[in-house]
Structure formats: C-alpha cells, structure tokens
C-alpha cells in the first residue's frame, strides 16, 4: 500500500508536511480549511483573552460568546484573505497553486497553533475563577513561540508543495512579501479615509 494513503493528516503534518498536504489537496481540501479555520479563530480569540488586561471589561459569558461567534469568522476570513495575498505574490515568483490549495497549506500550517487551545482555555478559566492567579508570562511566551515557529515551518513546507516551488526560500519570500502587503493596504485605506 502506498505510504501517503495511510497517513493520518492530524499526525503526519508535523513530520511529513509535504506528503500530507499532497494527500489533503488531492481529496477535499475545503473541509479541512473550514475546520482548521474555525479552530484557529477560536484559539486566537482565547489567547487574546488569556491576560488580565484584556479580560477586565468582560464576564466569562461575554468572552465565550465573542470567542464562539467571532472566532470562526476571524479564523476563516484570515485564511482566505492571507491565501489570496500569497496567491497574488506567488504568481510573480512562479507559483502555480490554486487558491483553495494555498488555503489548505495556510490552514494546515495553523495546526500547531491550534494545539495551544486547551492551554488558552485553561488560562481564561483560571483568570475568572482565581483572579489573583496568573500563569507567568514567560511560560506563555515560550510555549506560544515554539508553536508559532513549528507552525511557520509546516506552512512553508506545505506552501512549497502546493505552489510548486523548488526551495523553502521561495516559499519564505512568498509569505514575507504577502505579509508586507497587509500594512501597505492598511496605510492606503487610512490615507483614503483621511481625504474623504
């Protein structure tokens, strides 16, 4: 039996990202994109509320409502917007990935970030139940740094595969240039709003 066919994407993405993304894009990538987008958005919202400064104005019920309603929209929206920027920039770098396959690459790259979800939920609950208790900032920073670095590594490998790049450097350039477009667009939007 072909090795790729027996891969479990939830496990294999950590050590075999290129083979895993090939399998995902050959099947139905949209389901994976939507699921990982929802989970990513929920994790980002929970991690935002995992400090006392960001939680003081809210009750636990309000936090949960914000996380469950806004989280999925933020997560899925970010994946599609960022993937569109990667697609545009990647075209000039010789990338040949479809927008959906690029979305799958970006979404799969978020899997390590999603693994921080139980920690973020626990942190938020502790802040409400025991306000005097706060997890040391260096522990949170260290854990999230490891997850973000691994996430970036996976995304680069997945992007390299779906874009048809022959090096990680080109995938890195694709992501970096796409990220540089975001502040430029925000600056332009701010400039247009000032002249209205």
Foldseek 3Di string as FASTA:
>chain_A
DDPLVPDDLLPCLLPPLLSSLVVCVVPPLVVLLLVLLLLLLLLVLLQQLLDCVNPVVDDPVVSVVCSNPVSSVVSSVVLLLLLVLLVVLLVVVQFDFDSSSLSSLLSSLCSLSSVCRVVSVVSNVCCNVPVVDHDDPVVVVVSNVVSNVSSVVSSLSSRCNRRVNPDSVSSVVSSVVSVVVVVVVVVVVVVVVVVD
